[in-house]
Protein backbone atom coordinates (compact mmCIF):
# COMPACT_ATOMS: atom_id res chain seq x y z
CA MET A 1 3.59 -6.90 -40.95
CA SER A 2 4.35 -9.99 -38.85
CA LEU A 3 4.67 -13.47 -40.31
CA ARG A 4 1.39 -15.30 -40.79
CA PRO A 5 0.89 -18.48 -38.71
CA SER A 6 1.39 -20.66 -41.80
CA GLU A 7 4.59 -18.78 -42.71
CA LEU A 8 5.89 -19.11 -39.17
CA ARG A 9 5.25 -22.85 -39.34
CA ASP A 10 7.00 -23.16 -42.72
CA VAL A 11 10.10 -21.27 -41.53
CA ALA A 12 10.34 -23.43 -38.38
CA ARG A 13 10.08 -26.61 -40.49
CA ALA A 14 12.70 -25.33 -42.95
CA LEU A 15 15.23 -24.28 -40.28
CA GLU A 16 15.03 -27.33 -38.01
CA PRO A 17 16.98 -29.81 -40.19
CA GLU A 18 19.54 -27.11 -41.06
CA LEU A 19 20.24 -26.03 -37.50
CA SER A 20 19.69 -29.14 -35.35
CA GLY A 21 22.85 -29.80 -33.37
CA ALA A 22 24.16 -26.24 -33.74
CA VAL A 23 25.79 -24.81 -30.61
CA VAL A 24 24.73 -21.47 -29.17
CA GLN A 25 27.78 -19.19 -29.20
CA LYS A 26 26.33 -15.76 -28.53
CA LEU A 27 23.02 -14.13 -27.64
CA ARG A 28 22.15 -10.48 -28.16
CA ALA A 29 19.04 -8.51 -27.28
CA PRO A 30 19.41 -5.04 -28.88
CA TRP A 31 16.11 -4.09 -27.24
CA PRO A 32 13.23 -5.87 -25.47
CA GLY A 33 11.25 -8.12 -27.75
CA ARG A 34 14.17 -9.03 -30.02
CA LEU A 35 16.68 -11.85 -29.47
CA GLU A 36 19.52 -12.74 -31.84
CA LEU A 37 21.15 -16.17 -31.48
CA GLU A 38 24.51 -16.94 -33.07
CA LEU A 39 24.57 -20.68 -33.81
CA ARG A 40 27.67 -22.59 -34.88
CA LYS A 41 27.79 -25.74 -36.97
CA PRO A 42 30.98 -27.15 -38.48
CA GLY A 43 31.96 -24.88 -41.32
CA ARG A 44 29.39 -22.12 -40.82
CA THR A 45 27.77 -19.68 -38.38
CA VAL A 46 24.10 -18.74 -38.66
CA ARG A 47 22.35 -15.86 -36.94
CA VAL A 48 18.72 -16.56 -36.05
CA LEU A 49 16.36 -13.76 -35.09
CA LEU A 50 13.35 -14.15 -32.79
CA SER A 51 11.25 -10.99 -32.70
CA VAL A 52 8.00 -10.58 -30.77
CA GLU A 53 7.61 -6.86 -31.51
CA SER A 54 4.10 -5.75 -32.41
CA GLY A 55 3.69 -5.77 -36.18
CA LEU A 56 7.23 -7.08 -36.75
CA ALA A 57 7.08 -10.52 -35.12
CA ARG A 58 9.01 -13.25 -36.92
CA LEU A 59 11.44 -16.14 -36.91
CA SER A 60 14.13 -15.49 -39.51
CA VAL A 61 17.77 -15.71 -40.51
CA ILE A 62 19.75 -12.45 -40.52
CA GLU A 63 23.14 -11.59 -41.99
CA GLY A 64 24.19 -8.64 -39.85
CA ARG A 65 23.59 -7.53 -36.30
CA ALA A 66 21.25 -4.72 -35.28
CA LEU A 67 22.74 -1.71 -33.54
CA SER A 68 22.04 -2.04 -29.85
CA SER A 69 21.15 0.61 -27.32
CA ASP A 70 23.78 2.18 -25.10
CA SER A 71 22.41 0.54 -21.97
CA GLY A 72 23.99 -2.66 -20.69
CA PRO A 73 22.50 -6.15 -20.98
CA SER A 74 19.15 -6.61 -19.28
CA PRO A 75 18.60 -9.17 -16.49
CA TRP A 76 16.60 -11.19 -19.03
CA LEU A 77 19.53 -11.34 -21.46
CA LEU A 78 22.05 -12.18 -18.73
CA ARG A 79 19.91 -15.11 -17.60
CA ALA A 80 19.37 -16.30 -21.19
CA ARG A 81 23.12 -16.18 -21.86
CA LYS A 82 23.85 -18.11 -18.69
CA GLU A 83 21.34 -20.87 -19.46
CA LEU A 84 21.72 -21.21 -23.25
CA THR A 85 25.32 -20.46 -24.19
CA GLY A 86 27.10 -23.69 -25.09
CA ARG A 87 23.91 -25.73 -25.48
CA ARG A 88 22.96 -27.59 -28.64
CA LEU A 89 19.76 -26.77 -30.49
CA SER A 90 17.68 -29.94 -30.64
CA SER A 91 14.43 -28.79 -32.26
CA ILE A 92 12.48 -25.85 -33.65
CA ARG A 93 8.71 -26.24 -33.44
CA CYS A 94 5.76 -24.01 -34.26
CA THR A 95 3.45 -24.97 -31.39
CA GLY A 96 0.66 -22.53 -32.05
CA PRO A 97 -0.51 -19.86 -34.51
CA LYS A 98 1.70 -17.35 -32.70
CA GLN A 99 4.15 -19.52 -30.77
CA VAL A 100 7.61 -20.93 -31.59
CA ARG A 101 9.63 -23.22 -29.29
CA LEU A 102 13.37 -23.77 -29.57
CA ALA A 103 14.64 -26.69 -27.48
CA PHE A 104 18.25 -26.91 -26.27
CA GLU A 105 20.11 -29.62 -24.40
CA LYS A 106 23.45 -30.12 -22.70
CA GLY A 107 24.64 -32.77 -20.27
CA GLY A 108 21.22 -34.34 -19.99
CA THR A 109 19.47 -31.11 -18.99
CA ALA A 110 16.98 -29.27 -21.18
CA ARG A 111 16.17 -25.62 -21.69
CA THR A 112 13.44 -24.18 -23.91
CA LEU A 113 13.10 -20.74 -25.49
CA VAL A 114 9.51 -19.82 -26.32
CA ALA A 115 8.55 -16.84 -28.48
CA GLU A 116 4.90 -15.81 -28.12
CA LEU A 117 4.14 -13.43 -30.97
CA GLY A 118 1.14 -11.63 -29.55
CA SER A 119 0.46 -7.97 -28.93
CA PRO A 120 2.42 -7.49 -26.84
CA GLY A 121 4.64 -10.51 -27.39
CA VAL A 122 7.05 -12.05 -24.93
CA LEU A 123 10.12 -14.28 -24.91
CA LEU A 124 10.12 -16.97 -22.22
CA LEU A 125 12.99 -19.09 -20.92
CA LEU A 126 11.90 -22.43 -19.48
CA GLY A 127 13.75 -25.08 -17.51
CA GLU A 128 13.09 -28.76 -16.91
CA GLY A 129 9.40 -29.61 -17.23
CA ASP A 130 8.72 -26.14 -18.68
CA ALA A 131 9.40 -24.51 -15.32
CA PRO A 132 9.46 -20.70 -15.85
CA MET A 133 12.93 -19.20 -15.43
CA ALA A 134 12.89 -15.74 -17.06
CA ALA A 135 10.86 -13.50 -19.37
CA SER A 136 11.76 -10.56 -21.59
CA GLU A 137 8.86 -8.56 -20.11
CA GLY A 138 7.32 -9.02 -16.69
CA PRO A 139 7.84 -11.89 -14.26
CA PRO A 140 8.61 -15.44 -15.44
CA ARG A 141 5.48 -17.38 -16.39
CA PRO A 142 4.47 -20.60 -18.13
CA PRO A 143 3.83 -20.45 -21.88
CA SER A 144 0.38 -20.46 -23.41
CA ASP A 145 -1.22 -23.78 -24.22
CA VAL A 146 -0.07 -25.59 -27.36
CA ARG A 147 -2.55 -25.26 -30.24
CA PRO A 148 -2.38 -26.78 -33.72
CA VAL A 149 -1.65 -24.54 -36.70
CA ASP A 150 -4.15 -24.66 -39.54
CA GLU A 151 -2.53 -26.46 -42.44
CA GLY A 152 -4.51 -24.30 -44.86
CA GLY A 153 -4.90 -20.60 -44.25
CA SER A 154 -3.62 -17.70 -46.29
CA PRO A 155 -1.09 -18.44 -49.05
CA SER A 156 2.57 -18.09 -48.08
CA ARG A 157 4.49 -15.00 -49.21
CA LEU A 158 7.83 -16.78 -48.91
CA GLY A 159 7.76 -18.32 -52.35
CA GLN A 160 9.57 -21.65 -52.91
CA ALA A 161 12.49 -20.92 -50.56
CA ARG A 162 13.84 -23.88 -48.61
CA GLY A 163 16.28 -24.39 -45.75
CA LEU A 164 18.09 -21.29 -44.56
CA ASP A 165 16.77 -19.41 -47.58
CA ALA A 166 13.28 -19.66 -46.07
CA GLY A 167 14.58 -17.82 -43.00
CA ARG A 168 16.24 -15.20 -45.20
CA ALA A 169 13.02 -14.77 -47.20
CA ALA A 170 11.10 -14.23 -43.96
CA GLU A 171 13.57 -11.52 -42.94
CA ALA A 172 13.35 -9.81 -46.34
CA LEU A 173 9.55 -9.87 -46.13
CA VAL A 174 9.43 -8.06 -42.78
CA ALA A 175 12.61 -5.95 -43.04
CA ALA A 176 11.14 -3.55 -45.61
CA ARG A 177 8.17 -2.85 -43.38
CA GLU A 178 10.45 -2.64 -40.34
CA SER A 179 12.45 0.24 -41.82
CA VAL A 180 9.23 2.18 -42.47
CA VAL A 181 7.89 1.49 -39.00
CA ARG A 182 11.12 2.58 -37.34
CA ARG A 183 11.34 5.73 -39.44
CA GLU A 184 7.76 6.64 -38.51
CA ALA A 185 8.48 5.90 -34.86
CA LEU A 186 11.54 8.13 -34.92
CA GLN A 187 9.52 10.89 -36.57
CA ARG A 188 6.85 10.60 -33.87
CA ALA A 189 9.54 10.66 -31.19
CA ARG A 190 10.79 13.97 -32.62
CA VAL A 191 7.40 15.59 -33.16
CA GLN A 192 5.22 14.47 -30.25
CA PRO A 193 7.22 16.09 -27.42
CA LEU A 194 7.22 19.38 -29.33
CA ARG A 195 3.46 19.21 -29.84
CA SER A 196 2.94 18.48 -26.15
CA THR A 197 5.18 21.40 -25.19
CA LEU A 198 3.28 23.76 -27.49
CA GLN A 199 -0.08 22.64 -26.12
CA ARG A 200 1.15 23.15 -22.56
CA LEU A 201 2.40 26.66 -23.40
CA ARG A 202 -0.96 27.55 -24.94
CA ARG A 203 -2.84 26.39 -21.85
CA THR A 204 -0.46 28.31 -19.59
CA ARG A 205 -0.78 31.44 -21.70
CA ALA A 206 -4.57 31.36 -21.46
CA LYS A 207 -4.38 31.23 -17.65
CA VAL A 208 -1.75 33.96 -17.42
CA GLU A 209 -3.71 36.16 -19.83
CA ALA A 210 -6.72 35.93 -17.52
CA GLU A 211 -4.53 37.00 -14.58
CA ALA A 212 -3.13 39.92 -16.58
CA GLY A 213 -6.65 41.24 -17.15
CA ARG A 214 -7.50 41.72 -13.47
CA ASP A 215 -6.83 45.48 -13.43
CA ALA A 216 -10.56 46.15 -13.62
CA ILE A 217 -11.19 43.91 -10.59
CA ALA A 218 -8.39 45.69 -8.72
CA GLU A 219 -10.00 49.05 -9.51
CA GLU A 220 -13.31 47.83 -8.05
CA HIS A 221 -11.58 47.01 -4.75
CA ARG A 222 -10.00 50.47 -4.68
CA ARG A 223 -13.42 52.13 -5.21
CA TRP A 224 -14.99 50.01 -2.50
CA GLY A 225 -12.17 50.81 -0.08
CA GLU A 226 -12.54 54.58 -0.67
CA LEU A 227 -16.33 54.43 -0.26
CA LEU A 228 -16.01 52.53 3.02
CA SER A 229 -13.32 54.89 4.34
CA ARG A 230 -15.77 57.81 4.02
CA ALA A 231 -18.67 55.98 5.65
CA LEU A 232 -17.22 53.91 8.51
CA ASP A 233 -20.11 54.83 10.78
CA ARG A 234 -22.59 53.28 8.33
CA VAL A 235 -20.87 49.89 8.10
CA PRO A 236 -22.80 47.35 10.23
CA ARG A 237 -20.90 44.61 12.00
CA GLY A 238 -21.52 41.05 10.81
CA ALA A 239 -23.08 42.13 7.48
CA ARG A 240 -22.08 40.64 4.15
CA SER A 241 -22.64 43.86 2.20
CA VAL A 242 -23.65 47.48 2.59
CA ARG A 243 -25.20 49.97 0.13
CA LEU A 244 -23.36 53.31 -0.09
CA THR A 245 -23.74 56.43 -2.22
CA GLU A 246 -21.03 57.17 -4.78
CA TRP A 247 -20.85 60.64 -6.35
CA THR A 248 -19.84 60.66 -10.01
CA ALA A 249 -19.86 63.15 -12.89
CA GLU A 250 -23.32 61.85 -13.78
CA GLY A 251 -24.59 62.36 -10.24
CA ALA A 252 -25.20 60.12 -7.22
CA ARG A 253 -25.65 56.36 -7.53
CA GLU A 254 -26.07 53.50 -5.10
CA VAL A 255 -23.21 50.96 -4.89
CA GLU A 256 -23.40 47.64 -3.05
CA VAL A 257 -20.03 47.01 -1.36
CA PRO A 258 -19.21 43.40 -0.32
CA LEU A 259 -18.05 42.88 3.26
CA GLU A 260 -16.33 40.18 5.29
CA PRO A 261 -18.72 39.53 8.24
CA THR A 262 -15.94 38.81 10.73
CA LEU A 263 -14.03 42.09 10.25
CA ALA A 264 -14.43 45.49 11.88
CA PRO A 265 -15.22 48.52 9.65
CA ARG A 266 -11.63 49.79 9.56
CA ALA A 267 -10.35 46.28 8.73
CA GLN A 268 -12.90 46.12 5.89
CA VAL A 269 -11.25 49.18 4.32
CA GLU A 270 -7.76 47.71 4.68
CA ARG A 271 -8.95 44.43 3.21
CA HIS A 272 -10.15 46.07 -0.03
CA PHE A 273 -7.01 48.20 -0.41
CA ARG A 274 -4.87 45.12 0.23
CA GLN A 275 -6.77 43.23 -2.48
CA TYR A 276 -6.29 46.21 -4.82
CA ARG A 277 -2.51 46.19 -4.34
CA ARG A 278 -2.26 42.40 -4.62
CA LEU A 279 -4.24 42.26 -7.87
CA LEU A 280 -2.22 45.11 -9.40
CA ARG A 281 1.06 43.34 -8.59
CA GLY A 282 -0.29 40.09 -9.98
CA SER A 283 -1.43 41.74 -13.20
CA ALA A 284 1.97 43.37 -13.75
CA MET A 285 3.79 40.09 -13.16
CA ALA A 286 1.36 38.27 -15.47
CA ARG A 287 2.02 40.77 -18.29
CA GLU A 288 5.76 40.15 -17.96
CA ARG A 289 5.14 36.41 -17.99
CA LEU A 290 2.99 36.77 -21.12
CA ALA A 291 5.87 38.31 -23.03
CA ALA A 292 8.17 35.43 -22.03
CA LEU A 293 5.49 32.86 -22.94
CA ASP A 294 5.04 34.44 -26.36
CA ARG A 295 8.76 34.08 -27.02
CA GLU A 296 8.69 30.43 -25.89
CA MET A 297 5.70 29.71 -28.12
CA VAL A 298 7.39 31.23 -31.18
CA GLU A 299 10.44 29.03 -30.56
CA ALA A 300 8.29 25.92 -29.98
CA GLU A 301 6.29 26.53 -33.18
CA ARG A 302 9.50 26.96 -35.15
CA ALA A 303 10.98 23.71 -33.75
CA LEU A 304 7.73 21.84 -34.46
CA ALA A 305 7.59 23.09 -38.06
CA GLU A 306 11.19 21.98 -38.61
CA ALA A 307 10.52 18.54 -37.12
CA GLU A 308 7.40 18.01 -39.23
CA ALA A 309 9.30 19.01 -42.36
CA SER A 310 12.27 16.73 -41.62
CA THR A 311 13.57 14.79 -44.59
CA GLU A 312 14.01 11.04 -44.47
CA ALA A 313 17.78 11.42 -44.11
CA GLU A 314 17.31 13.67 -41.07
CA VAL A 315 14.84 11.32 -39.43
CA VAL A 316 16.72 8.07 -39.90
CA ALA A 317 19.02 7.38 -36.96
CA PRO A 318 20.67 4.29 -35.48
CA VAL A 319 18.11 1.52 -35.20
CA ALA A 320 16.11 1.78 -32.00
CA PRO A 321 13.21 -0.18 -30.58
CA VAL A 322 9.80 0.58 -32.02
CA PRO A 323 7.78 2.43 -29.36
CA VAL A 324 4.70 0.37 -28.60
CA ARG A 325 1.92 1.62 -26.37
CA PRO A 326 1.36 -1.11 -23.80
CA PRO A 327 -2.18 -2.46 -23.73
CA ARG A 328 -4.41 -1.33 -20.93
CA LYS A 329 -4.49 -4.07 -18.38
CA ARG A 330 -6.53 -4.27 -15.26
CA ALA A 331 -4.10 -3.86 -12.41
CA ALA A 332 -3.63 -6.88 -10.20
CA PRO A 333 -5.85 -6.44 -7.14
CA ALA A 334 -3.84 -5.07 -4.24
CA HIS A 335 -4.33 -6.25 -0.68
CA ARG A 336 -7.64 -4.88 0.59
CA PRO A 337 -7.14 -3.63 4.15
CA TYR A 338 -10.76 -4.19 5.17
CA ARG A 339 -13.60 -6.70 5.14
CA VAL A 340 -16.91 -5.76 3.56
CA PHE A 341 -20.25 -6.43 5.23
CA HIS A 342 -23.70 -5.15 4.27
CA ALA A 343 -26.32 -3.43 6.38
CA SER A 344 -29.97 -4.50 6.15
CA GLY A 345 -30.59 -1.91 3.41
CA GLY A 346 -27.56 -2.99 1.36
CA GLN A 347 -25.25 -0.21 2.62
CA PRO A 348 -21.63 -1.47 2.62
CA ILE A 349 -19.73 -1.40 5.89
CA TRP A 350 -15.92 -1.63 5.89
CA VAL A 351 -14.19 -3.26 8.85
CA GLY A 352 -10.40 -2.99 9.22
CA ARG A 353 -8.36 -6.20 9.54
CA ALA A 354 -5.43 -5.28 11.85
CA GLY A 355 -3.31 -2.38 13.07
CA GLU A 356 -1.66 -1.34 9.80
CA ASP A 357 -4.81 -2.22 7.85
CA ASN A 358 -6.88 -0.08 10.21
CA ALA A 359 -4.59 2.86 9.46
CA ALA A 360 -4.82 2.22 5.72
CA LEU A 361 -8.63 2.06 5.89
CA THR A 362 -8.97 5.27 7.90
CA PHE A 363 -6.32 7.44 6.25
CA ARG A 364 -6.06 6.10 2.68
CA VAL A 365 -9.40 4.50 1.79
CA ALA A 366 -11.99 6.46 3.77
CA ARG A 367 -13.00 9.90 2.49
CA PRO A 368 -13.25 12.84 4.92
CA HIS A 369 -17.08 12.77 4.92
CA HIS A 370 -17.39 9.03 5.56
CA LEU A 371 -18.67 7.89 8.95
CA TRP A 372 -15.99 6.38 11.21
CA MET A 373 -16.69 4.16 14.21
CA HIS A 374 -14.76 2.34 16.98
CA ALA A 375 -15.57 0.42 20.14
CA ARG A 376 -15.09 2.90 22.98
CA GLY A 377 -12.20 2.47 25.38
CA VAL A 378 -10.87 -0.87 24.08
CA PRO A 379 -8.67 -2.04 21.18
CA GLY A 380 -10.63 -2.99 18.08
CA ALA A 381 -11.13 -2.63 14.37
CA HIS A 382 -11.78 0.67 12.64
CA VAL A 383 -15.23 0.62 11.01
CA VAL A 384 -16.17 2.92 8.13
CA VAL A 385 -19.58 3.50 6.53
CA PRO A 386 -19.04 5.10 3.10
CA LEU A 387 -21.48 7.96 2.51
CA ASP A 388 -22.05 10.55 -0.18
CA ARG A 389 -21.04 14.11 0.67
CA GLY A 390 -23.76 15.63 2.84
CA GLU A 391 -25.50 12.29 3.37
CA GLU A 392 -26.52 11.23 6.88
CA VAL A 393 -26.31 7.64 8.03
CA GLY A 394 -29.59 5.78 8.52
CA GLN A 395 -30.54 4.44 11.93
CA GLU A 396 -30.41 0.78 10.86
CA ALA A 397 -27.05 1.17 9.14
CA LEU A 398 -25.71 2.91 12.25
CA LEU A 399 -26.84 0.03 14.49
CA ASP A 400 -25.43 -2.55 12.10
CA ALA A 401 -22.04 -0.80 11.97
CA ALA A 402 -21.99 -0.48 15.77
CA HIS A 403 -22.60 -4.22 16.13
CA LEU A 404 -19.63 -4.92 13.88
CA ALA A 405 -17.43 -2.45 15.79
CA LEU A 406 -18.20 -4.27 19.05
CA HIS A 407 -17.82 -7.74 17.54
CA PHE A 408 -14.37 -6.95 16.10
CA SER A 409 -13.01 -5.55 19.38
CA ARG A 410 -12.05 -6.74 22.86
CA LEU A 411 -15.76 -6.51 23.73
CA ALA A 412 -16.64 -9.37 21.37
CA GLY A 413 -19.09 -11.71 23.12
CA GLU A 414 -20.21 -9.10 25.65
CA PRO A 415 -23.96 -8.39 25.81
CA ARG A 416 -23.53 -4.61 25.68
CA GLY A 417 -20.94 -1.92 25.07
CA GLU A 418 -20.34 1.64 23.91
CA VAL A 419 -19.35 2.68 20.40
CA ALA A 420 -17.98 6.12 19.43
CA TRP A 421 -18.63 7.51 15.94
CA THR A 422 -17.62 10.64 14.09
CA ARG A 423 -16.57 11.77 10.59
CA ALA A 424 -13.33 10.35 9.20
CA ARG A 425 -11.84 13.84 8.80
CA LEU A 426 -11.88 14.24 12.58
CA VAL A 427 -9.70 11.17 13.18
CA LYS A 428 -5.96 11.82 13.64
CA ARG A 429 -2.92 9.58 14.05
CA VAL A 430 -1.21 9.41 17.43
CA LYS A 431 2.29 10.77 16.87
CA GLY A 432 4.76 7.99 17.63
CA GLY A 433 1.94 5.57 18.37
CA ALA A 434 1.39 2.08 17.04
CA PRO A 435 -0.19 1.65 13.59
CA GLY A 436 -3.92 2.16 13.89
CA GLN A 437 -3.68 4.11 17.14
CA VAL A 438 -5.73 7.29 16.75
CA THR A 439 -7.47 10.14 18.50
CA TYR A 440 -10.74 11.68 17.39
CA THR A 441 -12.98 14.64 18.11
CA GLY A 442 -16.62 15.56 17.56
CA GLU A 443 -17.68 12.05 18.45
CA LYS A 444 -21.07 10.80 19.53
CA VAL A 445 -21.43 7.74 21.75
CA LEU A 446 -23.93 4.95 21.19
CA ALA A 447 -24.74 2.65 24.13
CA LEU A 448 -25.52 -0.62 22.41
CA ARG A 449 -27.29 -3.78 23.57
CA VAL A 450 -26.15 -6.57 21.24
CA GLU A 451 -28.88 -8.24 19.18
CA PRO A 452 -27.62 -11.77 18.35
CA ALA A 453 -29.93 -12.14 15.33
CA ARG A 454 -28.73 -8.85 13.86
CA LEU A 455 -25.07 -9.79 14.39
CA GLU A 456 -25.58 -13.21 12.80
CA ARG A 457 -27.20 -11.62 9.73
CA LEU A 458 -24.30 -9.16 9.40
CA LEU A 459 -21.63 -11.87 9.61
CA ARG A 460 -23.41 -13.85 6.89
CA SER A 461 -23.38 -10.77 4.63
CA ARG A 462 -19.58 -10.68 4.44
CA GLU A 463 -18.14 -10.51 0.91
CA ASP A 464 -15.34 -12.84 -0.08
CA GLY A 465 -11.90 -11.21 -0.34
């Protein structure tokens, strides 16, 4: 239950005349997203809290100090202490529905502390001209644009409090919810690992139980081995199976025995007996493992039941940060080690940029079934045509890729040349060689006469990036 934009504005307006000119004596950050400033004016000390935690964001006045974690001060806090300690607070402004700016000055230089109360929120330290200096999360960055706060909006829950009392009212409003949130977070921190452990044990038990039930499969291999041992002269070489007669109490019956085509008849017998022994050992070991897993599951279920039934007194512990799941963000695009061109049919063609990028394209980006190409006998770019598994490259796409392989090699500008192509899985690094230096097998060679119009079309098809 964070402060509403109108409440945030009212607290900032109420605190500014009370705290202007106060000197920063101490700064504490018990955990990321929370900053406590100890401000001193003649005759009194006031502790101001800036919190950007999800659901608990606020600007308020606190009486005591939160218990901090055992870890030392973060780089963010060390930088904030260095820049703000000893400075005078000159203004407190609400510069947006979810933004508060505290300005400080000393010796003609200015520093600004910005709290952006989003989800997630962030605390920013700014220098002269709002130059980014530090951030509580992530790299330093400029603050969001200033936006006016609606003078209307939802009614304030702070009552008629004024001055420092407005800050205390804001803290009382959020503190009750904060204790509930932290208690729930602590309960989740106790229960969730136990649930995950129990789920993992159940999955493992299901797999081990399947292994423990392979006695019947082992018995099949024993039967097949005995049948083959009595009919070695009837086992054809290179066959995948053979039909033999098995005599049982009910009479004769035909049994189809699977074979390994590359093995001799005697080796076929040994193979089935070896499988029989291996499966029996595995089943025995799996049964022992099942007993141990059952004991672990009983203990995990007991611990989970105790955690879920914990009383409030057992759950409450020293104040700790509220676990917040970070929002899913699209990762910043990494360096792409290749250029993208398009064949006449739209098929993408990837062309490596340099030595290390060629290696990255061939061994990290390309899949084993992709087509790989290189100008034959000269240094040049690695060229990859991405294909689906089992797909063959079309003739036009092959010619287009070959043109690019020649153009991005030492043969650029020559009227003709040779290009080798194979599957990416057949390309190997040269041990101790330069980045991008490779050997390859299974290649085919294409003698190419360069078509200027085709090459011009390909170069125009290049994607930006």
